[in-house]
Protein backbone atom coordinates (compact mmCIF):
# COMPACT_ATOMS: atom_id res chain seq x y z
CA UNK A 1 13.64 12.42 -13.40
CA UNK A 2 16.55 10.02 -14.54
CA UNK A 3 20.04 11.00 -13.22
CA UNK A 4 22.53 11.53 -16.00
CA UNK A 5 25.25 9.28 -16.87
CA UNK A 6 28.92 10.24 -16.07
CA UNK A 7 29.28 10.99 -19.90
CA UNK A 8 26.06 13.51 -19.44
CA UNK A 9 23.69 11.10 -21.00
CA UNK A 10 19.98 10.12 -19.78
CA UNK A 11 20.44 6.45 -18.11
CA UNK A 12 18.87 4.11 -20.62
CA UNK A 13 15.90 2.17 -18.63
CA UNK A 14 17.58 -1.06 -19.96
CA UNK A 15 20.46 -0.29 -18.22
CA UNK A 16 18.47 0.52 -14.90
CA UNK A 17 16.66 -3.19 -15.25
CA UNK A 18 20.02 -4.62 -16.01
CA UNK A 19 21.82 -3.39 -13.28
CA UNK A 20 18.68 -4.42 -10.90
CA UNK A 21 18.54 -7.99 -12.10
CA UNK A 22 22.43 -8.21 -11.35
CA UNK A 23 21.67 -6.95 -7.82
CA UNK A 24 18.57 -9.40 -7.41
CA UNK A 25 20.89 -12.58 -8.64
CA UNK A 26 23.56 -11.21 -5.99
CA UNK A 27 21.31 -10.76 -3.39
CA UNK A 28 19.52 -14.54 -4.24
CA UNK A 29 15.96 -12.97 -4.14
CA UNK A 30 13.48 -13.01 -7.00
CA UNK A 31 14.01 -10.73 -10.01
CA UNK A 32 12.00 -7.61 -10.14
CA UNK A 33 11.36 -5.04 -12.26
CA UNK A 34 11.47 -0.75 -11.56
CA UNK A 35 8.18 -0.63 -11.78
CA UNK A 36 7.56 -3.69 -9.42
CA UNK A 37 9.48 -1.29 -7.02
CA UNK A 38 7.66 1.61 -7.53
CA UNK A 39 3.98 -0.54 -6.90
CA UNK A 40 5.65 -1.63 -4.04
CA UNK A 41 6.68 1.72 -2.68
CA UNK A 42 3.54 3.26 -3.10
CA UNK A 43 1.75 0.47 -1.79
CA UNK A 44 3.60 0.12 1.23
CA UNK A 45 2.99 3.91 2.22
CA UNK A 46 -0.21 3.58 1.21
CA UNK A 47 -0.68 0.95 4.17
CA UNK A 48 1.48 3.03 6.34
CA UNK A 49 -0.99 5.65 6.21
CA UNK A 50 0.99 8.36 4.08
CA UNK A 51 -1.53 10.65 2.37
CA UNK A 52 -2.03 10.24 -1.14
CA UNK A 53 -0.14 13.52 -1.95
CA UNK A 54 3.18 13.08 -0.71
CA UNK A 55 2.50 9.46 -2.80
CA UNK A 56 2.32 11.02 -5.81
CA UNK A 57 5.04 13.69 -5.47
CA UNK A 58 7.34 10.66 -4.53
CA UNK A 59 6.23 8.39 -7.86
CA UNK A 60 6.10 11.72 -9.94
CA UNK A 61 2.50 10.96 -10.83
CA UNK A 62 1.35 14.49 -12.78
CA UNK A 63 -2.13 14.34 -10.57
CA UNK A 64 -3.18 13.12 -7.49
CA UNK A 65 -6.14 11.50 -9.74
CA UNK A 66 -3.58 8.90 -11.40
CA UNK A 67 -2.13 8.05 -8.10
CA UNK A 68 -5.74 7.36 -6.23
CA UNK A 69 -6.56 5.47 -9.64
CA UNK A 70 -3.73 3.48 -10.28
CA UNK A 71 -3.65 2.49 -5.83
CA UNK A 72 -7.62 2.14 -5.22
CA UNK A 73 -7.40 -1.49 -4.33
CA UNK A 74 -4.79 -0.82 -1.77
CA UNK A 75 -6.58 2.00 -0.37
CA UNK A 76 -9.74 -0.20 -0.12
CA UNK A 77 -7.37 -2.02 2.76
CA UNK A 78 -6.29 1.25 4.23
CA UNK A 79 -10.09 2.54 4.28
CA UNK A 80 -11.32 -0.44 6.06
CA UNK A 81 -8.22 -0.40 8.66
CA UNK A 82 -9.37 3.34 9.36
CA UNK A 83 -12.86 2.47 9.81
CA UNK A 84 -11.37 -0.04 12.41
CA UNK A 85 -9.73 1.89 14.19
CA UNK A 86 -12.51 4.45 14.54
CA UNK A 87 -14.47 1.86 15.81
CA UNK A 88 -11.84 1.31 18.62
CA UNK A 89 -11.66 5.10 19.13
CA UNK A 90 -15.23 5.24 19.91
CA UNK A 91 -15.20 1.61 21.42
CA UNK A 92 -17.67 0.20 19.00
CA UNK A 93 -15.83 -3.23 18.99
CA UNK A 94 -18.15 -6.27 17.76
CA UNK A 95 -20.42 -7.74 20.25
CA UNK A 96 -19.20 -11.29 21.52
CA UNK A 97 -21.13 -14.35 21.32
CA UNK A 98 -22.07 -14.08 25.23
CA UNK A 99 -23.50 -10.81 24.89
CA UNK A 100 -25.56 -11.69 21.85
CA UNK A 101 -27.58 -14.43 23.42
CA UNK A 102 -30.50 -13.21 24.20
CA UNK A 103 -32.06 -15.09 27.88
CA UNK A 104 -35.02 -17.20 27.16
CA UNK A 105 -37.93 -16.34 29.53
CA UNK A 106 -39.03 -18.53 31.78
CA UNK A 107 -42.28 -19.85 31.10
CA UNK A 108 -42.66 -22.56 34.09
CA UNK A 109 -43.05 -25.51 32.36
């Protein structure tokens, strides 16, 4: 929800984008949209392991399904990372080449 202006009116999204453009220009960084910032926020939170419900509430989504559907591609990465951590916890590291090598039987030739 947008904060009202000093005059009590709703902030115009175009004004917000205009202000963001000025900030990006002054900071000498690539111009971004407010929507891009929301997406970055959600992606970073997911990557840091923040639960989807918290992200849903942070972004103001009406349902958790919307959050999960929108950021499913990021969740695939975090699910893989979670699986890797579980492997570490269970000491299921991938075997190295030495342990995979099978000794050839000695045929005496």
